[in-house]
Full PDB file with SEQRES, HELIX, SHEET, SSBOND, CRYST1, ORIGX, SCALE, CONECT and MASTER records, all heavy atoms in Angstrom:
SEQRES   1 A   43  SER GLN LYS HIS HIS ILE ARG HIS PHE THR PRO LYS ILE          
SEQRES   2 A   43  ALA PHE ILE GLY ARG SER ASN VAL GLY LYS SER SER LEU          
SEQRES   3 A   43  LEU ASN ASP LEU VAL GLN LYS PRO LEU ALA ALA ALA ALA          
SEQRES   4 A   43  LYS LYS PRO GLY                                              
HELIX    1 AA1 GLN A    2  HIS A    8  1                                   7    
HELIX    2 AA2 LYS A   23  VAL A   31  1                                   9    
CRYST1    1.000    1.000    1.000  90.00  90.00  90.00 P 1           1          
ORIGX1      1.000000  0.000000  0.000000        0.00000                         
ORIGX2      0.000000  1.000000  0.000000        0.00000                         
ORIGX3      0.000000  0.000000  1.000000        0.00000                         
SCALE1      1.000000  0.000000  0.000000        0.00000                         
SCALE2      0.000000  1.000000  0.000000        0.00000                         
SCALE3      0.000000  0.000000  1.000000        0.00000                         
ATOM      1  N   SER A   1      50.030 -14.726 -10.643  1.00  0.00           N  
ATOM      2  CA  SER A   1      50.624 -15.979 -11.025  1.00  0.00           C  
ATOM      3  C   SER A   1      49.940 -16.570 -12.245  1.00  0.00           C  
ATOM      4  O   SER A   1      50.632 -17.243 -13.047  1.00  0.00           O  
ATOM      5  CB  SER A   1      50.560 -16.972  -9.833  1.00  0.00           C  
ATOM      6  OG  SER A   1      49.254 -17.306  -9.527  1.00  0.00           O  
ATOM      7  N   GLN A   2      48.657 -16.386 -12.405  1.00  0.00           N  
ATOM      8  CA  GLN A   2      48.021 -16.906 -13.645  1.00  0.00           C  
ATOM      9  C   GLN A   2      48.419 -16.140 -14.830  1.00  0.00           C  
ATOM     10  O   GLN A   2      48.718 -16.758 -15.866  1.00  0.00           O  
ATOM     11  CB  GLN A   2      46.467 -16.853 -13.470  1.00  0.00           C  
ATOM     12  CG  GLN A   2      45.848 -17.769 -12.486  1.00  0.00           C  
ATOM     13  CD  GLN A   2      44.432 -17.440 -12.236  1.00  0.00           C  
ATOM     14  OE1 GLN A   2      43.993 -16.330 -12.046  1.00  0.00           O  
ATOM     15  NE2 GLN A   2      43.605 -18.507 -12.196  1.00  0.00           N  
ATOM     16  N   LYS A   3      48.612 -14.856 -14.712  1.00  0.00           N  
ATOM     17  CA  LYS A   3      49.087 -14.065 -15.844  1.00  0.00           C  
ATOM     18  C   LYS A   3      50.534 -14.504 -16.229  1.00  0.00           C  
ATOM     19  O   LYS A   3      50.842 -14.588 -17.408  1.00  0.00           O  
ATOM     20  CB  LYS A   3      49.104 -12.581 -15.479  1.00  0.00           C  
ATOM     21  CG  LYS A   3      47.685 -11.986 -15.536  1.00  0.00           C  
ATOM     22  CD  LYS A   3      47.593 -10.509 -15.231  1.00  0.00           C  
ATOM     23  CE  LYS A   3      46.193  -9.979 -15.328  1.00  0.00           C  
ATOM     24  NZ  LYS A   3      46.085  -8.543 -15.191  1.00  0.00           N  
ATOM     25  N   HIS A   4      51.357 -14.720 -15.222  1.00  0.00           N  
ATOM     26  CA  HIS A   4      52.752 -15.132 -15.442  1.00  0.00           C  
ATOM     27  C   HIS A   4      52.697 -16.572 -16.205  1.00  0.00           C  
ATOM     28  O   HIS A   4      53.469 -16.699 -17.145  1.00  0.00           O  
ATOM     29  CB  HIS A   4      53.541 -15.294 -14.179  1.00  0.00           C  
ATOM     30  CG  HIS A   4      54.899 -15.797 -14.312  1.00  0.00           C  
ATOM     31  ND1 HIS A   4      55.926 -15.006 -14.770  1.00  0.00           N  
ATOM     32  CD2 HIS A   4      55.420 -16.997 -14.065  1.00  0.00           C  
ATOM     33  CE1 HIS A   4      57.074 -15.745 -14.894  1.00  0.00           C  
ATOM     34  NE2 HIS A   4      56.741 -16.967 -14.442  1.00  0.00           N  
ATOM     35  N   HIS A   5      51.865 -17.374 -15.747  1.00  0.00           N  
ATOM     36  CA  HIS A   5      51.749 -18.795 -16.313  1.00  0.00           C  
ATOM     37  C   HIS A   5      51.320 -18.615 -17.824  1.00  0.00           C  
ATOM     38  O   HIS A   5      52.012 -19.248 -18.686  1.00  0.00           O  
ATOM     39  CB  HIS A   5      50.766 -19.563 -15.558  1.00  0.00           C  
ATOM     40  CG  HIS A   5      50.556 -20.940 -16.112  1.00  0.00           C  
ATOM     41  ND1 HIS A   5      51.535 -21.883 -16.077  1.00  0.00           N  
ATOM     42  CD2 HIS A   5      49.528 -21.554 -16.700  1.00  0.00           C  
ATOM     43  CE1 HIS A   5      51.130 -23.058 -16.641  1.00  0.00           C  
ATOM     44  NE2 HIS A   5      49.893 -22.803 -17.002  1.00  0.00           N  
ATOM     45  N   ILE A   6      50.360 -17.862 -18.052  1.00  0.00           N  
ATOM     46  CA  ILE A   6      49.882 -17.686 -19.474  1.00  0.00           C  
ATOM     47  C   ILE A   6      50.997 -16.977 -20.305  1.00  0.00           C  
ATOM     48  O   ILE A   6      51.224 -17.441 -21.477  1.00  0.00           O  
ATOM     49  CB  ILE A   6      48.596 -16.817 -19.525  1.00  0.00           C  
ATOM     50  CG1 ILE A   6      47.456 -17.645 -18.873  1.00  0.00           C  
ATOM     51  CG2 ILE A   6      48.251 -16.478 -20.981  1.00  0.00           C  
ATOM     52  CD1 ILE A   6      46.208 -16.834 -18.626  1.00  0.00           C  
ATOM     53  N   ARG A   7      51.609 -15.942 -19.802  1.00  0.00           N  
ATOM     54  CA  ARG A   7      52.690 -15.245 -20.619  1.00  0.00           C  
ATOM     55  C   ARG A   7      53.787 -16.152 -21.040  1.00  0.00           C  
ATOM     56  O   ARG A   7      54.354 -16.015 -22.059  1.00  0.00           O  
ATOM     57  CB  ARG A   7      53.198 -14.045 -19.818  1.00  0.00           C  
ATOM     58  CG  ARG A   7      52.379 -12.856 -19.826  1.00  0.00           C  
ATOM     59  CD  ARG A   7      53.097 -11.639 -19.362  1.00  0.00           C  
ATOM     60  NE  ARG A   7      52.357 -10.408 -19.481  1.00  0.00           N  
ATOM     61  CZ  ARG A   7      51.774  -9.754 -18.537  1.00  0.00           C  
ATOM     62  NH1 ARG A   7      51.836 -10.153 -17.353  1.00  0.00           N  
ATOM     63  NH2 ARG A   7      51.060  -8.718 -18.808  1.00  0.00           N  
ATOM     64  N   HIS A   8      54.131 -17.089 -20.148  1.00  0.00           N  
ATOM     65  CA  HIS A   8      55.346 -17.970 -20.401  1.00  0.00           C  
ATOM     66  C   HIS A   8      54.989 -19.269 -20.935  1.00  0.00           C  
ATOM     67  O   HIS A   8      55.847 -20.048 -21.284  1.00  0.00           O  
ATOM     68  CB  HIS A   8      56.134 -18.032 -19.126  1.00  0.00           C  
ATOM     69  CG  HIS A   8      56.778 -16.709 -18.781  1.00  0.00           C  
ATOM     70  ND1 HIS A   8      56.159 -15.781 -17.983  1.00  0.00           N  
ATOM     71  CD2 HIS A   8      57.975 -16.220 -19.143  1.00  0.00           C  
ATOM     72  CE1 HIS A   8      56.930 -14.724 -17.844  1.00  0.00           C  
ATOM     73  NE2 HIS A   8      57.980 -14.934 -18.475  1.00  0.00           N  
ATOM     74  N   PHE A   9      53.709 -19.620 -21.030  1.00  0.00           N  
ATOM     75  CA  PHE A   9      53.270 -20.908 -21.513  1.00  0.00           C  
ATOM     76  C   PHE A   9      53.260 -20.885 -23.050  1.00  0.00           C  
ATOM     77  O   PHE A   9      52.950 -19.961 -23.704  1.00  0.00           O  
ATOM     78  CB  PHE A   9      51.818 -21.166 -21.079  1.00  0.00           C  
ATOM     79  CG  PHE A   9      51.369 -22.559 -21.239  1.00  0.00           C  
ATOM     80  CD1 PHE A   9      51.387 -23.462 -20.168  1.00  0.00           C  
ATOM     81  CD2 PHE A   9      50.825 -22.995 -22.439  1.00  0.00           C  
ATOM     82  CE1 PHE A   9      50.991 -24.739 -20.342  1.00  0.00           C  
ATOM     83  CE2 PHE A   9      50.353 -24.283 -22.574  1.00  0.00           C  
ATOM     84  CZ  PHE A   9      50.450 -25.163 -21.514  1.00  0.00           C  
ATOM     85  N   THR A  10      53.777 -21.977 -23.625  1.00  0.00           N  
ATOM     86  CA  THR A  10      53.704 -22.169 -25.092  1.00  0.00           C  
ATOM     87  C   THR A  10      53.264 -23.514 -25.417  1.00  0.00           C  
ATOM     88  O   THR A  10      53.606 -24.425 -24.643  1.00  0.00           O  
ATOM     89  CB  THR A  10      55.057 -21.850 -25.750  1.00  0.00           C  
ATOM     90  OG1 THR A  10      56.054 -22.733 -25.172  1.00  0.00           O  
ATOM     91  CG2 THR A  10      55.537 -20.410 -25.557  1.00  0.00           C  
ATOM     92  N   PRO A  11      52.586 -23.692 -26.440  1.00  0.00           N  
ATOM     93  CA  PRO A  11      52.112 -22.740 -27.378  1.00  0.00           C  
ATOM     94  C   PRO A  11      50.772 -22.082 -26.908  1.00  0.00           C  
ATOM     95  O   PRO A  11      50.100 -22.625 -26.079  1.00  0.00           O  
ATOM     96  CB  PRO A  11      51.887 -23.543 -28.720  1.00  0.00           C  
ATOM     97  CG  PRO A  11      51.458 -24.883 -28.185  1.00  0.00           C  
ATOM     98  CD  PRO A  11      52.257 -25.082 -26.868  1.00  0.00           C  
ATOM     99  N   LYS A  12      50.504 -20.948 -27.561  1.00  0.00           N  
ATOM    100  CA  LYS A  12      49.199 -20.273 -27.250  1.00  0.00           C  
ATOM    101  C   LYS A  12      48.822 -19.578 -28.523  1.00  0.00           C  
ATOM    102  O   LYS A  12      49.657 -19.026 -29.273  1.00  0.00           O  
ATOM    103  CB  LYS A  12      49.182 -19.352 -26.082  1.00  0.00           C  
ATOM    104  CG  LYS A  12      50.267 -18.270 -26.111  1.00  0.00           C  
ATOM    105  CD  LYS A  12      50.260 -17.531 -24.789  1.00  0.00           C  
ATOM    106  CE  LYS A  12      51.509 -16.674 -24.704  1.00  0.00           C  
ATOM    107  NZ  LYS A  12      52.551 -17.288 -24.005  1.00  0.00           N  
ATOM    108  N   ILE A  13      47.508 -19.574 -28.832  1.00  0.00           N  
ATOM    109  CA  ILE A  13      46.956 -19.009 -30.060  1.00  0.00           C  
ATOM    110  C   ILE A  13      45.873 -17.997 -29.666  1.00  0.00           C  
ATOM    111  O   ILE A  13      44.947 -18.398 -28.928  1.00  0.00           O  
ATOM    112  CB  ILE A  13      46.442 -20.033 -31.011  1.00  0.00           C  
ATOM    113  CG1 ILE A  13      47.488 -21.063 -31.373  1.00  0.00           C  
ATOM    114  CG2 ILE A  13      45.850 -19.364 -32.275  1.00  0.00           C  
ATOM    115  CD1 ILE A  13      46.927 -22.268 -32.055  1.00  0.00           C  
ATOM    116  N   ALA A  14      46.026 -16.748 -30.050  1.00  0.00           N  
ATOM    117  CA  ALA A  14      44.940 -15.727 -29.814  1.00  0.00           C  
ATOM    118  C   ALA A  14      44.160 -15.569 -31.078  1.00  0.00           C  
ATOM    119  O   ALA A  14      44.714 -15.439 -32.189  1.00  0.00           O  
ATOM    120  CB  ALA A  14      45.591 -14.458 -29.308  1.00  0.00           C  
ATOM    121  N   PHE A  15      42.794 -15.459 -30.960  1.00  0.00           N  
ATOM    122  CA  PHE A  15      41.962 -15.252 -32.082  1.00  0.00           C  
ATOM    123  C   PHE A  15      41.510 -13.796 -32.029  1.00  0.00           C  
ATOM    124  O   PHE A  15      40.920 -13.334 -31.021  1.00  0.00           O  
ATOM    125  CB  PHE A  15      40.750 -16.161 -32.027  1.00  0.00           C  
ATOM    126  CG  PHE A  15      41.118 -17.589 -32.162  1.00  0.00           C  
ATOM    127  CD1 PHE A  15      41.403 -18.353 -31.025  1.00  0.00           C  
ATOM    128  CD2 PHE A  15      41.171 -18.163 -33.377  1.00  0.00           C  
ATOM    129  CE1 PHE A  15      41.823 -19.711 -31.180  1.00  0.00           C  
ATOM    130  CE2 PHE A  15      41.559 -19.489 -33.566  1.00  0.00           C  
ATOM    131  CZ  PHE A  15      41.873 -20.278 -32.394  1.00  0.00           C  
ATOM    132  N   ILE A  16      41.748 -13.067 -33.160  1.00  0.00           N  
ATOM    133  CA  ILE A  16      41.366 -11.630 -33.186  1.00  0.00           C  
ATOM    134  C   ILE A  16      40.660 -11.379 -34.492  1.00  0.00           C  
ATOM    135  O   ILE A  16      40.847 -12.089 -35.472  1.00  0.00           O  
ATOM    136  CB  ILE A  16      42.701 -10.775 -33.172  1.00  0.00           C  
ATOM    137  CG1 ILE A  16      42.347  -9.291 -32.853  1.00  0.00           C  
ATOM    138  CG2 ILE A  16      43.621 -10.968 -34.310  1.00  0.00           C  
ATOM    139  CD1 ILE A  16      43.534  -8.458 -32.438  1.00  0.00           C  
ATOM    140  N   GLY A  17      39.789 -10.414 -34.452  1.00  0.00           N  
ATOM    141  CA  GLY A  17      39.046 -10.066 -35.685  1.00  0.00           C  
ATOM    142  C   GLY A  17      37.890  -9.154 -35.315  1.00  0.00           C  
ATOM    143  O   GLY A  17      37.623  -8.828 -34.094  1.00  0.00           O  
ATOM    144  N   ARG A  18      37.102  -8.706 -36.319  1.00  0.00           N  
ATOM    145  CA  ARG A  18      35.984  -7.848 -36.082  1.00  0.00           C  
ATOM    146  C   ARG A  18      34.948  -8.534 -35.191  1.00  0.00           C  
ATOM    147  O   ARG A  18      34.883  -9.738 -35.163  1.00  0.00           O  
ATOM    148  CB  ARG A  18      35.342  -7.467 -37.376  1.00  0.00           C  
ATOM    149  CG  ARG A  18      36.187  -6.549 -38.208  1.00  0.00           C  
ATOM    150  CD  ARG A  18      35.432  -6.149 -39.489  1.00  0.00           C  
ATOM    151  NE  ARG A  18      34.288  -5.348 -39.243  1.00  0.00           N  
ATOM    152  CZ  ARG A  18      34.234  -4.062 -39.082  1.00  0.00           C  
ATOM    153  NH1 ARG A  18      35.387  -3.355 -39.074  1.00  0.00           N  
ATOM    154  NH2 ARG A  18      33.118  -3.406 -38.860  1.00  0.00           N  
ATOM    155  N   SER A  19      34.131  -7.823 -34.611  1.00  0.00           N  
ATOM    156  CA  SER A  19      32.987  -8.323 -33.871  1.00  0.00           C  
ATOM    157  C   SER A  19      32.156  -9.185 -34.855  1.00  0.00           C  
ATOM    158  O   SER A  19      31.923  -8.762 -36.002  1.00  0.00           O  
ATOM    159  CB  SER A  19      32.138  -7.222 -33.267  1.00  0.00           C  
ATOM    160  OG  SER A  19      32.799  -6.536 -32.289  1.00  0.00           O  
ATOM    161  N   ASN A  20      31.652 -10.324 -34.445  1.00  0.00           N  
ATOM    162  CA  ASN A  20      30.780 -11.152 -35.235  1.00  0.00           C  
ATOM    163  C   ASN A  20      31.445 -11.860 -36.464  1.00  0.00           C  
ATOM    164  O   ASN A  20      30.753 -12.185 -37.362  1.00  0.00           O  
ATOM    165  CB  ASN A  20      29.549 -10.391 -35.645  1.00  0.00           C  
ATOM    166  CG  ASN A  20      28.303 -11.280 -35.756  1.00  0.00           C  
ATOM    167  OD1 ASN A  20      28.165 -12.233 -34.946  1.00  0.00           O  
ATOM    168  ND2 ASN A  20      27.360 -11.021 -36.632  1.00  0.00           N  
ATOM    169  N   VAL A  21      32.830 -11.963 -36.437  1.00  0.00           N  
ATOM    170  CA  VAL A  21      33.449 -12.585 -37.558  1.00  0.00           C  
ATOM    171  C   VAL A  21      33.469 -14.097 -37.341  1.00  0.00           C  
ATOM    172  O   VAL A  21      33.702 -14.881 -38.255  1.00  0.00           O  
ATOM    173  CB  VAL A  21      34.866 -12.022 -37.791  1.00  0.00           C  
ATOM    174  CG1 VAL A  21      35.861 -12.508 -36.744  1.00  0.00           C  
ATOM    175  CG2 VAL A  21      35.357 -12.395 -39.235  1.00  0.00           C  
ATOM    176  N   GLY A  22      33.268 -14.564 -36.099  1.00  0.00           N  
ATOM    177  CA  GLY A  22      33.194 -15.970 -35.795  1.00  0.00           C  
ATOM    178  C   GLY A  22      34.394 -16.515 -34.976  1.00  0.00           C  
ATOM    179  O   GLY A  22      34.648 -17.715 -35.052  1.00  0.00           O  
ATOM    180  N   LYS A  23      35.017 -15.699 -34.181  1.00  0.00           N  
ATOM    181  CA  LYS A  23      36.180 -16.163 -33.369  1.00  0.00           C  
ATOM    182  C   LYS A  23      35.710 -17.242 -32.392  1.00  0.00           C  
ATOM    183  O   LYS A  23      36.351 -18.232 -32.290  1.00  0.00           O  
ATOM    184  CB  LYS A  23      36.761 -14.904 -32.628  1.00  0.00           C  
ATOM    185  CG  LYS A  23      37.360 -13.913 -33.536  1.00  0.00           C  
ATOM    186  CD  LYS A  23      37.858 -12.683 -32.782  1.00  0.00           C  
ATOM    187  CE  LYS A  23      36.808 -11.919 -32.038  1.00  0.00           C  
ATOM    188  NZ  LYS A  23      35.777 -11.291 -32.835  1.00  0.00           N  
ATOM    189  N   SER A  24      34.639 -16.941 -31.641  1.00  0.00           N  
ATOM    190  CA  SER A  24      34.207 -17.909 -30.609  1.00  0.00           C  
ATOM    191  C   SER A  24      33.721 -19.137 -31.311  1.00  0.00           C  
ATOM    192  O   SER A  24      33.929 -20.243 -30.786  1.00  0.00           O  
ATOM    193  CB  SER A  24      33.128 -17.263 -29.743  1.00  0.00           C  
ATOM    194  OG  SER A  24      33.587 -16.109 -29.096  1.00  0.00           O  
ATOM    195  N   SER A  25      32.978 -18.976 -32.400  1.00  0.00           N  
ATOM    196  CA  SER A  25      32.498 -20.173 -33.129  1.00  0.00           C  
ATOM    197  C   SER A  25      33.598 -21.065 -33.618  1.00  0.00           C  
ATOM    198  O   SER A  25      33.596 -22.302 -33.502  1.00  0.00           O  
ATOM    199  CB  SER A  25      31.620 -19.775 -34.271  1.00  0.00           C  
ATOM    200  OG  SER A  25      30.476 -19.102 -33.785  1.00  0.00           O  
ATOM    201  N   LEU A  26      34.672 -20.463 -34.127  1.00  0.00           N  
ATOM    202  CA  LEU A  26      35.878 -21.207 -34.558  1.00  0.00           C  
ATOM    203  C   LEU A  26      36.520 -21.923 -33.405  1.00  0.00           C  
ATOM    204  O   LEU A  26      36.860 -23.120 -33.484  1.00  0.00           O  
ATOM    205  CB  LEU A  26      36.871 -20.271 -35.298  1.00  0.00           C  
ATOM    206  CG  LEU A  26      38.195 -20.953 -35.677  1.00  0.00           C  
ATOM    207  CD1 LEU A  26      37.938 -22.128 -36.663  1.00  0.00           C  
ATOM    208  CD2 LEU A  26      39.181 -19.920 -36.225  1.00  0.00           C  
ATOM    209  N   LEU A  27      36.668 -21.270 -32.292  1.00  0.00           N  
ATOM    210  CA  LEU A  27      37.243 -21.885 -31.104  1.00  0.00           C  
ATOM    211  C   LEU A  27      36.413 -23.126 -30.690  1.00  0.00           C  
ATOM    212  O   LEU A  27      36.952 -24.169 -30.400  1.00  0.00           O  
ATOM    213  CB  LEU A  27      37.291 -20.884 -30.001  1.00  0.00           C  
ATOM    214  CG  LEU A  27      38.235 -21.211 -28.870  1.00  0.00           C  
ATOM    215  CD1 LEU A  27      38.837 -19.919 -28.287  1.00  0.00           C  
ATOM    216  CD2 LEU A  27      37.486 -21.910 -27.750  1.00  0.00           C  
ATOM    217  N   ASN A  28      35.081 -22.976 -30.688  1.00  0.00           N  
ATOM    218  CA  ASN A  28      34.253 -24.090 -30.343  1.00  0.00           C  
ATOM    219  C   ASN A  28      34.386 -25.215 -31.366  1.00  0.00           C  
ATOM    220  O   ASN A  28      34.318 -26.387 -30.982  1.00  0.00           O  
ATOM    221  CB  ASN A  28      32.763 -23.692 -30.276  1.00  0.00           C  
ATOM    222  CG  ASN A  28      32.509 -22.734 -29.090  1.00  0.00           C  
ATOM    223  OD1 ASN A  28      33.174 -22.711 -28.150  1.00  0.00           O  
ATOM    224  ND2 ASN A  28      31.453 -21.908 -29.129  1.00  0.00           N  
ATOM    225  N   ASP A  29      34.476 -24.875 -32.595  1.00  0.00           N  
ATOM    226  CA  ASP A  29      34.686 -25.960 -33.627  1.00  0.00           C  
ATOM    227  C   ASP A  29      35.945 -26.662 -33.460  1.00  0.00           C  
ATOM    228  O   ASP A  29      36.047 -27.930 -33.594  1.00  0.00           O  
ATOM    229  CB  ASP A  29      34.612 -25.361 -35.043  1.00  0.00           C  
ATOM    230  CG  ASP A  29      33.170 -25.006 -35.479  1.00  0.00           C  
ATOM    231  OD1 ASP A  29      32.230 -25.432 -34.819  1.00  0.00           O  
ATOM    232  OD2 ASP A  29      33.045 -24.271 -36.504  1.00  0.00           O  
ATOM    233  N   LEU A  30      37.029 -25.978 -33.085  1.00  0.00           N  
ATOM    234  CA  LEU A  30      38.349 -26.603 -32.831  1.00  0.00           C  
ATOM    235  C   LEU A  30      38.298 -27.625 -31.757  1.00  0.00           C  
ATOM    236  O   LEU A  30      38.917 -28.683 -31.844  1.00  0.00           O  
ATOM    237  CB  LEU A  30      39.421 -25.521 -32.607  1.00  0.00           C  
ATOM    238  CG  LEU A  30      39.810 -24.700 -33.785  1.00  0.00           C  
ATOM    239  CD1 LEU A  30      40.726 -23.625 -33.317  1.00  0.00           C  
ATOM    240  CD2 LEU A  30      40.536 -25.519 -34.836  1.00  0.00           C  
ATOM    241  N   VAL A  31      37.695 -27.233 -30.620  1.00  0.00           N  
ATOM    242  CA  VAL A  31      37.587 -28.129 -29.496  1.00  0.00           C  
ATOM    243  C   VAL A  31      36.419 -29.035 -29.479  1.00  0.00           C  
ATOM    244  O   VAL A  31      36.282 -29.917 -28.618  1.00  0.00           O  
ATOM    245  CB  VAL A  31      37.718 -27.382 -28.193  1.00  0.00           C  
ATOM    246  CG1 VAL A  31      38.990 -26.637 -28.065  1.00  0.00           C  
ATOM    247  CG2 VAL A  31      36.540 -26.487 -27.933  1.00  0.00           C  
ATOM    248  N   GLN A  32      35.543 -28.893 -30.453  1.00  0.00           N  
ATOM    249  CA  GLN A  32      34.357 -29.726 -30.682  1.00  0.00           C  
ATOM    250  C   GLN A  32      33.438 -29.755 -29.500  1.00  0.00           C  
ATOM    251  O   GLN A  32      32.919 -30.803 -29.133  1.00  0.00           O  
ATOM    252  CB  GLN A  32      34.801 -31.128 -31.122  1.00  0.00           C  
ATOM    253  CG  GLN A  32      35.548 -31.065 -32.458  1.00  0.00           C  
ATOM    254  CD  GLN A  32      36.052 -32.478 -32.843  1.00  0.00           C  
ATOM    255  OE1 GLN A  32      35.619 -33.466 -32.293  1.00  0.00           O  
ATOM    256  NE2 GLN A  32      36.859 -32.433 -33.860  1.00  0.00           N  
ATOM    257  N   LYS A  33      33.212 -28.552 -28.883  1.00  0.00           N  
ATOM    258  CA  LYS A  33      32.268 -28.455 -27.790  1.00  0.00           C  
ATOM    259  C   LYS A  33      31.962 -26.981 -27.555  1.00  0.00           C  
ATOM    260  O   LYS A  33      32.824 -26.126 -27.945  1.00  0.00           O  
ATOM    261  CB  LYS A  33      32.711 -29.170 -26.493  1.00  0.00           C  
ATOM    262  CG  LYS A  33      33.838 -28.519 -25.812  1.00  0.00           C  
ATOM    263  CD  LYS A  33      34.238 -29.448 -24.629  1.00  0.00           C  
ATOM    264  CE  LYS A  33      34.607 -28.608 -23.418  1.00  0.00           C  
ATOM    265  NZ  LYS A  33      34.993 -29.446 -22.281  1.00  0.00           N  
ATOM    266  N   PRO A  34      30.780 -26.624 -26.967  1.00  0.00           N  
ATOM    267  CA  PRO A  34      30.458 -25.183 -26.790  1.00  0.00           C  
ATOM    268  C   PRO A  34      31.230 -24.669 -25.597  1.00  0.00           C  
ATOM    269  O   PRO A  34      30.632 -24.511 -24.570  1.00  0.00           O  
ATOM    270  CB  PRO A  34      28.990 -25.291 -26.585  1.00  0.00           C  
ATOM    271  CG  PRO A  34      28.716 -26.619 -26.003  1.00  0.00           C  
ATOM    272  CD  PRO A  34      29.800 -27.559 -26.627  1.00  0.00           C  
ATOM    273  N   LEU A  35      32.443 -24.253 -25.815  1.00  0.00           N  
ATOM    274  CA  LEU A  35      33.284 -23.760 -24.748  1.00  0.00           C  
ATOM    275  C   LEU A  35      33.170 -22.185 -24.673  1.00  0.00           C  
ATOM    276  O   LEU A  35      32.947 -21.667 -23.608  1.00  0.00           O  
ATOM    277  CB  LEU A  35      34.755 -24.167 -25.019  1.00  0.00           C  
ATOM    278  CG  LEU A  35      35.756 -23.964 -23.989  1.00  0.00           C  
ATOM    279  CD1 LEU A  35      35.375 -24.777 -22.682  1.00  0.00           C  
ATOM    280  CD2 LEU A  35      37.082 -24.461 -24.446  1.00  0.00           C  
ATOM    281  N   ALA A  36      33.283 -21.554 -25.787  1.00  0.00           N  
ATOM    282  CA  ALA A  36      33.280 -20.063 -25.826  1.00  0.00           C  
ATOM    283  C   ALA A  36      31.752 -19.638 -26.118  1.00  0.00           C  
ATOM    284  O   ALA A  36      31.123 -20.236 -26.912  1.00  0.00           O  
ATOM    285  CB  ALA A  36      34.216 -19.544 -26.897  1.00  0.00           C  
ATOM    286  N   ALA A  37      31.410 -18.559 -25.535  1.00  0.00           N  
ATOM    287  CA  ALA A  37      30.073 -18.039 -25.769  1.00  0.00           C  
ATOM    288  C   ALA A  37      30.006 -17.357 -27.156  1.00  0.00           C  
ATOM    289  O   ALA A  37      30.686 -16.422 -27.436  1.00  0.00           O  
ATOM    290  CB  ALA A  37      29.672 -16.986 -24.714  1.00  0.00           C  
ATOM    291  N   ALA A  38      29.233 -18.067 -28.047  1.00  0.00           N  
ATOM    292  CA  ALA A  38      29.076 -17.548 -29.441  1.00  0.00           C  
ATOM    293  C   ALA A  38      27.644 -17.015 -29.508  1.00  0.00           C  
ATOM    294  O   ALA A  38      26.724 -17.702 -29.266  1.00  0.00           O  
ATOM    295  CB  ALA A  38      29.327 -18.637 -30.415  1.00  0.00           C  
ATOM    296  N   ALA A  39      27.612 -15.787 -29.994  1.00  0.00           N  
ATOM    297  CA  ALA A  39      26.220 -15.146 -30.122  1.00  0.00           C  
ATOM    298  C   ALA A  39      25.990 -14.631 -31.482  1.00  0.00           C  
ATOM    299  O   ALA A  39      26.962 -14.509 -32.265  1.00  0.00           O  
ATOM    300  CB  ALA A  39      26.179 -13.986 -29.143  1.00  0.00           C  
ATOM    301  N   LYS A  40      24.753 -14.514 -31.874  1.00  0.00           N  
ATOM    302  CA  LYS A  40      24.404 -13.973 -33.165  1.00  0.00           C  
ATOM    303  C   LYS A  40      24.633 -12.475 -33.234  1.00  0.00           C  
ATOM    304  O   LYS A  40      24.831 -11.940 -34.365  1.00  0.00           O  
ATOM    305  CB  LYS A  40      22.961 -14.309 -33.487  1.00  0.00           C  
ATOM    306  CG  LYS A  40      22.757 -15.769 -33.709  1.00  0.00           C  
ATOM    307  CD  LYS A  40      21.338 -16.138 -34.067  1.00  0.00           C  
ATOM    308  CE  LYS A  40      21.269 -17.622 -34.272  1.00  0.00           C  
ATOM    309  NZ  LYS A  40      20.004 -18.090 -34.707  1.00  0.00           N  
ATOM    310  N   LYS A  41      24.547 -11.791 -32.145  1.00  0.00           N  
ATOM    311  CA  LYS A  41      24.748 -10.333 -32.136  1.00  0.00           C  
ATOM    312  C   LYS A  41      26.198 -10.036 -31.932  1.00  0.00           C  
ATOM    313  O   LYS A  41      26.883 -10.732 -31.074  1.00  0.00           O  
ATOM    314  CB  LYS A  41      23.943  -9.687 -31.055  1.00  0.00           C  
ATOM    315  CG  LYS A  41      22.450  -9.763 -31.303  1.00  0.00           C  
ATOM    316  CD  LYS A  41      21.683  -9.053 -30.101  1.00  0.00           C  
ATOM    317  CE  LYS A  41      20.232  -9.204 -30.424  1.00  0.00           C  
ATOM    318  NZ  LYS A  41      19.471  -8.462 -29.272  1.00  0.00           N  
ATOM    319  N   PRO A  42      26.811  -9.022 -32.585  1.00  0.00           N  
ATOM    320  CA  PRO A  42      28.234  -8.738 -32.470  1.00  0.00           C  
ATOM    321  C   PRO A  42      28.546  -8.087 -31.196  1.00  0.00           C  
ATOM    322  O   PRO A  42      27.704  -7.505 -30.484  1.00  0.00           O  
ATOM    323  CB  PRO A  42      28.462  -7.769 -33.616  1.00  0.00           C  
ATOM    324  CG  PRO A  42      27.121  -7.157 -33.973  1.00  0.00           C  
ATOM    325  CD  PRO A  42      26.108  -8.264 -33.646  1.00  0.00           C  
ATOM    326  N   GLY A  43      29.819  -8.238 -30.719  1.00  0.00           N  
ATOM    327  CA  GLY A  43      30.294  -7.556 -29.543  1.00  0.00           C  
ATOM    328  C   GLY A  43      29.959  -8.193 -28.241  1.00  0.00           C  
ATOM    329  O   GLY A  43      29.878  -7.549 -27.200  1.00  0.00           O  
TER     330      GLY A  43                                                      
MASTER        0    0    0    2    0    0    0    6  329    1    0    4          
END                                                                             
């Protein structure tokens, strides 16, 4: 049911890129709080 909810929910934005490019950091900056685990080491 959670997968169904996500699949059909709009809008949604997925962040993709190489390891250590800053996906989690960007997400945290957007919501202005440490939500996603951002690490200095890739992967």
